[in-house]
Amino acid sequence: MPTVGGFTPTSGPVGTVVTITGTGFTGVTTVRFGSTAAAAFTAISDTQITATVPAGASTGKITVVTPGGSDTSMGKFTVR
């Protein structure tokens, strides 16, 4: 089961590349900004993902989904 520990930057416009850190990211299937799924993301390792803020995203928490489950960030990403 993944655990989202944090992400950087914490705000930006659509198209911003966000680095998400945590654990259990192997096999990630979906990254969501609020309720909007990112079309582009890459699992760099079991502890790091890069994801591009998708069109239509609004300010909200980031969710990582893997075959083992999902986890949502404590903080919100602010779409500017």
PDB file of N, CA and C in Angstrom:
ATOM      1  N   MET A   1       0.840  -1.185   0.000  1.00  0.00           N
ATOM      2  CA  MET A   1       0.000   0.000   0.000  1.00  0.00           C
ATOM      3  C   MET A   1       0.880   1.241   0.000  1.00  0.00           C
ATOM      4  N   PRO A   2       0.587   2.214  -0.880  1.00  0.00           N
ATOM      5  CA  PRO A   2       1.433   3.404  -0.935  1.00  0.00           C
ATOM      6  C   PRO A   2       1.176   4.356   0.229  1.00  0.00           C
ATOM      7  N   THR A   3       2.174   5.173   0.495  1.00  0.00           N
ATOM      8  CA  THR A   3       2.053   6.252   1.472  1.00  0.00           C
ATOM      9  C   THR A   3       2.614   7.515   0.841  1.00  0.00           C
ATOM     10  N   VAL A   4       1.793   8.564   0.743  1.00  0.00           N
ATOM     11  CA  VAL A   4       2.247   9.846   0.207  1.00  0.00           C
ATOM     12  C   VAL A   4       2.803  10.656   1.368  1.00  0.00           C
ATOM     13  N   GLY A   5       4.096  10.975   1.284  1.00  0.00           N
ATOM     14  CA  GLY A   5       4.729  11.737   2.351  1.00  0.00           C
ATOM     15  C   GLY A   5       4.706  13.233   2.107  1.00  0.00           C
ATOM     16  N   GLY A   6       4.817  13.632   0.842  1.00  0.00           N
ATOM     17  CA  GLY A   6       4.831  15.051   0.521  1.00  0.00           C
ATOM     18  C   GLY A   6       5.021  15.254  -0.964  1.00  0.00           C
ATOM     19  N   PHE A   7       5.086  16.520  -1.378  1.00  0.00           N
ATOM     20  CA  PHE A   7       5.269  16.842  -2.794  1.00  0.00           C
ATOM     21  C   PHE A   7       5.828  18.250  -2.924  1.00  0.00           C
ATOM     22  N   THR A   8       6.492  18.483  -4.053  1.00  0.00           N
ATOM     23  CA  THR A   8       7.062  19.786  -4.339  1.00  0.00           C
ATOM     24  C   THR A   8       7.030  20.036  -5.837  1.00  0.00           C
ATOM     25  N   PRO A   9       6.722  21.232  -6.294  1.00  0.00           N
ATOM     26  CA  PRO A   9       6.286  22.385  -5.508  1.00  0.00           C
ATOM     27  C   PRO A   9       4.874  22.160  -4.964  1.00  0.00           C
ATOM     28  N   THR A  10       4.415  23.072  -4.128  1.00  0.00           N
ATOM     29  CA  THR A  10       3.085  22.956  -3.530  1.00  0.00           C
ATOM     30  C   THR A  10       2.028  23.732  -4.288  1.00  0.00           C
ATOM     31  N   SER A  11       2.456  24.472  -5.328  1.00  0.00           N
ATOM     32  CA  SER A  11       1.501  25.202  -6.154  1.00  0.00           C
ATOM     33  C   SER A  11       2.097  25.435  -7.528  1.00  0.00           C
ATOM     34  N   GLY A  12       1.220  25.717  -8.498  1.00  0.00           N
ATOM     35  CA  GLY A  12       1.670  26.008  -9.846  1.00  0.00           C
ATOM     36  C   GLY A  12       0.514  25.897 -10.814  1.00  0.00           C
ATOM     37  N   PRO A  13       0.743  26.310 -12.056  1.00  0.00           N
ATOM     38  CA  PRO A  13      -0.303  26.231 -13.069  1.00  0.00           C
ATOM     39  C   PRO A  13      -0.407  24.828 -13.672  1.00  0.00           C
ATOM     40  N   VAL A  14      -1.436  24.608 -14.470  1.00  0.00           N
ATOM     41  CA  VAL A  14      -1.544  23.383 -15.246  1.00  0.00           C
ATOM     42  C   VAL A  14      -0.253  23.217 -16.039  1.00  0.00           C
ATOM     43  N   GLY A  15       0.268  22.005 -16.093  1.00  0.00           N
ATOM     44  CA  GLY A  15       1.516  21.735 -16.797  1.00  0.00           C
ATOM     45  C   GLY A  15       2.729  21.671 -15.894  1.00  0.00           C
ATOM     46  N   THR A  16       2.580  22.075 -14.627  1.00  0.00           N
ATOM     47  CA  THR A  16       3.677  22.001 -13.670  1.00  0.00           C
ATOM     48  C   THR A  16       4.027  20.543 -13.404  1.00  0.00           C
ATOM     49  N   VAL A  17       5.316  20.240 -13.365  1.00  0.00           N
ATOM     50  CA  VAL A  17       5.763  18.894 -13.000  1.00  0.00           C
ATOM     51  C   VAL A  17       5.967  18.872 -11.488  1.00  0.00           C
ATOM     52  N   VAL A  18       5.265  17.966 -10.820  1.00  0.00           N
ATOM     53  CA  VAL A  18       5.297  17.854  -9.363  1.00  0.00           C
ATOM     54  C   VAL A  18       6.019  16.569  -8.983  1.00  0.00           C
ATOM     55  N   THR A  19       6.936  16.670  -8.038  1.00  0.00           N
ATOM     56  CA  THR A  19       7.627  15.498  -7.515  1.00  0.00           C
ATOM     57  C   THR A  19       6.948  15.071  -6.229  1.00  0.00           C
ATOM     58  N   ILE A  20       6.473  13.835  -6.222  1.00  0.00           N
ATOM     59  CA  ILE A  20       5.767  13.269  -5.069  1.00  0.00           C
ATOM     60  C   ILE A  20       6.688  12.271  -4.402  1.00  0.00           C
ATOM     61  N   THR A  21       6.836  12.379  -3.076  1.00  0.00           N
ATOM     62  CA  THR A  21       7.684  11.452  -2.344  1.00  0.00           C
ATOM     63  C   THR A  21       6.844  10.650  -1.359  1.00  0.00           C
ATOM     64  N   GLY A  22       7.329   9.463  -1.032  1.00  0.00           N
ATOM     65  CA  GLY A  22       6.631   8.582  -0.108  1.00  0.00           C
ATOM     66  C   GLY A  22       7.195   7.187  -0.205  1.00  0.00           C
ATOM     67  N   THR A  23       6.341   6.187  -0.076  1.00  0.00           N
ATOM     68  CA  THR A  23       6.774   4.792  -0.167  1.00  0.00           C
ATOM     69  C   THR A  23       5.717   3.965  -0.881  1.00  0.00           C
ATOM     70  N   GLY A  24       6.134   2.814  -1.384  1.00  0.00           N
ATOM     71  CA  GLY A  24       5.194   1.871  -1.981  1.00  0.00           C
ATOM     72  C   GLY A  24       4.654   2.284  -3.334  1.00  0.00           C
ATOM     73  N   PHE A  25       5.444   3.049  -4.112  1.00  0.00           N
ATOM     74  CA  PHE A  25       4.960   3.560  -5.396  1.00  0.00           C
ATOM     75  C   PHE A  25       5.150   2.594  -6.563  1.00  0.00           C
ATOM     76  N   THR A  26       5.734   1.432  -6.318  1.00  0.00           N
ATOM     77  CA  THR A  26       5.927   0.468  -7.400  1.00  0.00           C
ATOM     78  C   THR A  26       4.583   0.061  -7.997  1.00  0.00           C
ATOM     79  N   GLY A  27       4.488   0.130  -9.317  1.00  0.00           N
ATOM     80  CA  GLY A  27       3.262  -0.275  -9.999  1.00  0.00           C
ATOM     81  C   GLY A  27       2.163   0.765  -9.983  1.00  0.00           C
ATOM     82  N   VAL A  28       2.511   2.029  -9.684  1.00  0.00           N
ATOM     83  CA  VAL A  28       1.492   3.088  -9.637  1.00  0.00           C
ATOM     84  C   VAL A  28       0.664   3.073 -10.920  1.00  0.00           C
ATOM     85  N   THR A  29      -0.654   3.170 -10.756  1.00  0.00           N
ATOM     86  CA  THR A  29      -1.555   3.136 -11.904  1.00  0.00           C
ATOM     87  C   THR A  29      -2.220   4.482 -12.170  1.00  0.00           C
ATOM     88  N   THR A  30      -2.372   5.293 -11.132  1.00  0.00           N
ATOM     89  CA  THR A  30      -3.051   6.579 -11.276  1.00  0.00           C
ATOM     90  C   THR A  30      -2.488   7.584 -10.289  1.00  0.00           C
ATOM     91  N   VAL A  31      -2.370   8.828 -10.738  1.00  0.00           N
ATOM     92  CA  VAL A  31      -2.066   9.957  -9.849  1.00  0.00           C
ATOM     93  C   VAL A  31      -3.165  10.980 -10.107  1.00  0.00           C
ATOM     94  N   ARG A  32      -3.832  11.418  -9.036  1.00  0.00           N
ATOM     95  CA  ARG A  32      -4.915  12.393  -9.185  1.00  0.00           C
ATOM     96  C   ARG A  32      -4.589  13.678  -8.441  1.00  0.00           C
ATOM     97  N   PHE A  33      -4.929  14.795  -9.090  1.00  0.00           N
ATOM     98  CA  PHE A  33      -4.865  16.112  -8.462  1.00  0.00           C
ATOM     99  C   PHE A  33      -6.312  16.473  -8.179  1.00  0.00           C
ATOM    100  N   GLY A  34      -6.721  16.387  -6.922  1.00  0.00           N
ATOM    101  CA  GLY A  34      -8.133  16.505  -6.601  1.00  0.00           C
ATOM    102  C   GLY A  34      -8.842  15.317  -7.226  1.00  0.00           C
ATOM    103  N   SER A  35      -9.830  15.554  -8.066  1.00  0.00           N
ATOM    104  CA  SER A  35     -10.551  14.453  -8.708  1.00  0.00           C
ATOM    105  C   SER A  35     -10.111  14.227 -10.148  1.00  0.00           C
ATOM    106  N   THR A  36      -9.084  14.977 -10.596  1.00  0.00           N
ATOM    107  CA  THR A  36      -8.642  14.893 -11.992  1.00  0.00           C
ATOM    108  C   THR A  36      -7.374  14.060 -12.105  1.00  0.00           C
ATOM    109  N   ALA A  37      -7.418  13.025 -12.935  1.00  0.00           N
ATOM    110  CA  ALA A  37      -6.264  12.149 -13.119  1.00  0.00           C
ATOM    111  C   ALA A  37      -5.209  12.812 -13.993  1.00  0.00           C
ATOM    112  N   ALA A  38      -3.960  12.646 -13.600  1.00  0.00           N
ATOM    113  CA  ALA A  38      -2.850  13.139 -14.410  1.00  0.00           C
ATOM    114  C   ALA A  38      -2.662  12.219 -15.607  1.00  0.00           C
ATOM    115  N   ALA A  39      -2.558  12.810 -16.795  1.00  0.00           N
ATOM    116  CA  ALA A  39      -2.343  12.011 -18.003  1.00  0.00           C
ATOM    117  C   ALA A  39      -0.882  11.563 -18.090  1.00  0.00           C
ATOM    118  N   ALA A  40       0.004  12.337 -17.479  1.00  0.00           N
ATOM    119  CA  ALA A  40       1.429  12.028 -17.549  1.00  0.00           C
ATOM    120  C   ALA A  40       2.017  11.918 -16.149  1.00  0.00           C
ATOM    121  N   PHE A  41       2.562  10.734 -15.849  1.00  0.00           N
ATOM    122  CA  PHE A  41       3.292  10.539 -14.596  1.00  0.00           C
ATOM    123  C   PHE A  41       4.309   9.429 -14.792  1.00  0.00           C
ATOM    124  N   THR A  42       5.377   9.468 -13.984  1.00  0.00           N
ATOM    125  CA  THR A  42       6.431   8.459 -14.053  1.00  0.00           C
ATOM    126  C   THR A  42       6.837   8.079 -12.644  1.00  0.00           C
ATOM    127  N   ALA A  43       6.848   6.782 -12.374  1.00  0.00           N
ATOM    128  CA  ALA A  43       7.375   6.294 -11.100  1.00  0.00           C
ATOM    129  C   ALA A  43       8.889   6.197 -11.260  1.00  0.00           C
ATOM    130  N   ILE A  44       9.597   7.137 -10.645  1.00  0.00           N
ATOM    131  CA  ILE A  44      11.059   7.164 -10.718  1.00  0.00           C
ATOM    132  C   ILE A  44      11.634   6.002  -9.909  1.00  0.00           C
ATOM    133  N   SER A  45      11.015   5.742  -8.769  1.00  0.00           N
ATOM    134  CA  SER A  45      11.440   4.658  -7.881  1.00  0.00           C
ATOM    135  C   SER A  45      10.267   4.305  -6.979  1.00  0.00           C
ATOM    136  N   ASP A  46      10.487   3.423  -6.047  1.00  0.00           N
ATOM    137  CA  ASP A  46       9.454   3.036  -5.092  1.00  0.00           C
ATOM    138  C   ASP A  46       9.083   4.198  -4.163  1.00  0.00           C
ATOM    139  N   THR A  47       9.938   5.238  -4.148  1.00  0.00           N
ATOM    140  CA  THR A  47       9.733   6.355  -3.218  1.00  0.00           C
ATOM    141  C   THR A  47       9.523   7.704  -3.900  1.00  0.00           C
ATOM    142  N   GLN A  48       9.497   7.727  -5.245  1.00  0.00           N
ATOM    143  CA  GLN A  48       9.375   9.018  -5.926  1.00  0.00           C
ATOM    144  C   GLN A  48       8.613   8.878  -7.248  1.00  0.00           C
ATOM    145  N   ILE A  49       7.692   9.824  -7.466  1.00  0.00           N
ATOM    146  CA  ILE A  49       6.918   9.913  -8.707  1.00  0.00           C
ATOM    147  C   ILE A  49       7.000  11.352  -9.191  1.00  0.00           C
ATOM    148  N   THR A  50       7.086  11.530 -10.509  1.00  0.00           N
ATOM    149  CA  THR A  50       6.868  12.857 -11.074  1.00  0.00           C
ATOM    150  C   THR A  50       5.545  12.807 -11.828  1.00  0.00           C
ATOM    151  N   ALA A  51       4.733  13.848 -11.675  1.00  0.00           N
ATOM    152  CA  ALA A  51       3.439  13.914 -12.333  1.00  0.00           C
ATOM    153  C   ALA A  51       3.191  15.332 -12.813  1.00  0.00           C
ATOM    154  N   THR A  52       2.553  15.449 -13.977  1.00  0.00           N
ATOM    155  CA  THR A  52       2.245  16.751 -14.555  1.00  0.00           C
ATOM    156  C   THR A  52       0.814  17.135 -14.210  1.00  0.00           C
ATOM    157  N   VAL A  53       0.646  18.344 -13.672  1.00  0.00           N
ATOM    158  CA  VAL A  53      -0.693  18.835 -13.317  1.00  0.00           C
ATOM    159  C   VAL A  53      -1.548  18.863 -14.589  1.00  0.00           C
ATOM    160  N   PRO A  54      -2.669  18.135 -14.594  1.00  0.00           N
ATOM    161  CA  PRO A  54      -3.473  18.017 -15.816  1.00  0.00           C
ATOM    162  C   PRO A  54      -4.424  19.195 -16.033  1.00  0.00           C
ATOM    163  N   ALA A  55      -4.823  19.378 -17.280  1.00  0.00           N
ATOM    164  CA  ALA A  55      -5.854  20.359 -17.608  1.00  0.00           C
ATOM    165  C   ALA A  55      -7.123  19.987 -16.852  1.00  0.00           C
ATOM    166  N   GLY A  56      -7.800  20.971 -16.327  1.00  0.00           N
ATOM    167  CA  GLY A  56      -9.030  20.724 -15.587  1.00  0.00           C
ATOM    168  C   GLY A  56      -8.822  20.491 -14.103  1.00  0.00           C
ATOM    169  N   ALA A  57      -7.550  20.401 -13.676  1.00  0.00           N
ATOM    170  CA  ALA A  57      -7.277  20.193 -12.251  1.00  0.00           C
ATOM    171  C   ALA A  57      -7.622  21.449 -11.467  1.00  0.00           C
ATOM    172  N   SER A  58      -8.056  21.250 -10.235  1.00  0.00           N
ATOM    173  CA  SER A  58      -8.303  22.366  -9.331  1.00  0.00           C
ATOM    174  C   SER A  58      -7.565  22.093  -8.033  1.00  0.00           C
ATOM    175  N   THR A  59      -7.478  23.090  -7.192  1.00  0.00           N
ATOM    176  CA  THR A  59      -6.777  22.942  -5.920  1.00  0.00           C
ATOM    177  C   THR A  59      -7.346  21.765  -5.135  1.00  0.00           C
ATOM    178  N   GLY A  60      -6.457  20.899  -4.664  1.00  0.00           N
ATOM    179  CA  GLY A  60      -6.897  19.741  -3.898  1.00  0.00           C
ATOM    180  C   GLY A  60      -5.733  18.852  -3.529  1.00  0.00           C
ATOM    181  N   LYS A  61      -6.039  17.781  -2.848  1.00  0.00           N
ATOM    182  CA  LYS A  61      -5.029  16.824  -2.406  1.00  0.00           C
ATOM    183  C   LYS A  61      -4.604  15.937  -3.570  1.00  0.00           C
ATOM    184  N   ILE A  62      -3.408  15.350  -3.442  1.00  0.00           N
ATOM    185  CA  ILE A  62      -2.866  14.448  -4.451  1.00  0.00           C
ATOM    186  C   ILE A  62      -3.062  13.019  -3.976  1.00  0.00           C
ATOM    187  N   THR A  63      -3.595  12.171  -4.853  1.00  0.00           N
ATOM    188  CA  THR A  63      -3.826  10.766  -4.536  1.00  0.00           C
ATOM    189  C   THR A  63      -2.984   9.897  -5.453  1.00  0.00           C
ATOM    190  N   VAL A  64      -2.324   8.903  -4.866  1.00  0.00           N
ATOM    191  CA  VAL A  64      -1.545   7.910  -5.617  1.00  0.00           C
ATOM    192  C   VAL A  64      -2.254   6.569  -5.481  1.00  0.00           C
ATOM    193  N   VAL A  65      -2.493   5.911  -6.622  1.00  0.00           N
ATOM    194  CA  VAL A  65      -3.176   4.617  -6.633  1.00  0.00           C
ATOM    195  C   VAL A  65      -2.226   3.558  -7.181  1.00  0.00           C
ATOM    196  N   THR A  66      -2.116   2.435  -6.473  1.00  0.00           N
ATOM    197  CA  THR A  66      -1.336   1.279  -6.918  1.00  0.00           C
ATOM    198  C   THR A  66      -2.230   0.047  -6.805  1.00  0.00           C
ATOM    199  N   PRO A  67      -1.777  -1.083  -7.359  1.00  0.00           N
ATOM    200  CA  PRO A  67      -2.571  -2.309  -7.192  1.00  0.00           C
ATOM    201  C   PRO A  67      -2.801  -2.684  -5.721  1.00  0.00           C
ATOM    202  N   GLY A  68      -1.920  -2.204  -4.823  1.00  0.00           N
ATOM    203  CA  GLY A  68      -2.032  -2.531  -3.404  1.00  0.00           C
ATOM    204  C   GLY A  68      -2.927  -1.600  -2.611  1.00  0.00           C
ATOM    205  N   GLY A  69      -3.417  -0.527  -3.237  1.00  0.00           N
ATOM    206  CA  GLY A  69      -4.269   0.426  -2.537  1.00  0.00           C
ATOM    207  C   GLY A  69      -3.953   1.841  -2.959  1.00  0.00           C
ATOM    208  N   SER A  70      -4.407   2.797  -2.158  1.00  0.00           N
ATOM    209  CA  SER A  70      -4.182   4.208  -2.484  1.00  0.00           C
ATOM    210  C   SER A  70      -3.935   5.008  -1.222  1.00  0.00           C
ATOM    211  N   ASP A  71      -3.341   6.190  -1.406  1.00  0.00           N
ATOM    212  CA  ASP A  71      -3.140   7.108  -0.288  1.00  0.00           C
ATOM    213  C   ASP A  71      -3.244   8.526  -0.823  1.00  0.00           C
ATOM    214  N   THR A  72      -3.706   9.428   0.031  1.00  0.00           N
ATOM    215  CA  THR A  72      -3.912  10.823  -0.327  1.00  0.00           C
ATOM    216  C   THR A  72      -3.036  11.706   0.548  1.00  0.00           C
ATOM    217  N   SER A  73      -2.480  12.738  -0.058  1.00  0.00           N
ATOM    218  CA  SER A  73      -1.599  13.660   0.666  1.00  0.00           C
ATOM    219  C   SER A  73      -2.346  14.378   1.778  1.00  0.00           C
ATOM    220  N   MET A  74      -1.583  14.791   2.778  1.00  0.00           N
ATOM    221  CA  MET A  74      -2.153  15.592   3.865  1.00  0.00           C
ATOM    222  C   MET A  74      -2.430  17.013   3.358  1.00  0.00           C
ATOM    223  N   GLY A  75      -1.478  17.567   2.621  1.00  0.00           N
ATOM    224  CA  GLY A  75      -1.620  18.928   2.127  1.00  0.00           C
ATOM    225  C   GLY A  75      -2.253  18.984   0.748  1.00  0.00           C
ATOM    226  N   LYS A  76      -2.658  20.181   0.358  1.00  0.00           N
ATOM    227  CA  LYS A  76      -3.273  20.388  -0.951  1.00  0.00           C
ATOM    228  C   LYS A  76      -2.294  21.033  -1.913  1.00  0.00           C
ATOM    229  N   PHE A  77      -2.394  20.650  -3.187  1.00  0.00           N
ATOM    230  CA  PHE A  77      -1.666  21.325  -4.253  1.00  0.00           C
ATOM    231  C   PHE A  77      -2.559  22.464  -4.741  1.00  0.00           C
ATOM    232  N   THR A  78      -2.016  23.672  -4.799  1.00  0.00           N
ATOM    233  CA  THR A  78      -2.774  24.843  -5.232  1.00  0.00           C
ATOM    234  C   THR A  78      -2.552  25.085  -6.715  1.00  0.00           C
ATOM    235  N   VAL A  79      -3.619  24.980  -7.505  1.00  0.00           N
ATOM    236  CA  VAL A  79      -3.539  25.265  -8.936  1.00  0.00           C
ATOM    237  C   VAL A  79      -3.739  26.769  -9.112  1.00  0.00           C
ATOM    238  N   ARG A  80      -2.752  27.420  -9.745  1.00  0.00           N
ATOM    239  CA  ARG A  80      -2.828  28.869  -9.949  1.00  0.00           C
ATOM    240  C   ARG A  80      -3.265  29.193 -11.363  1.00  0.00           C
TER     241      ARG A  80
END
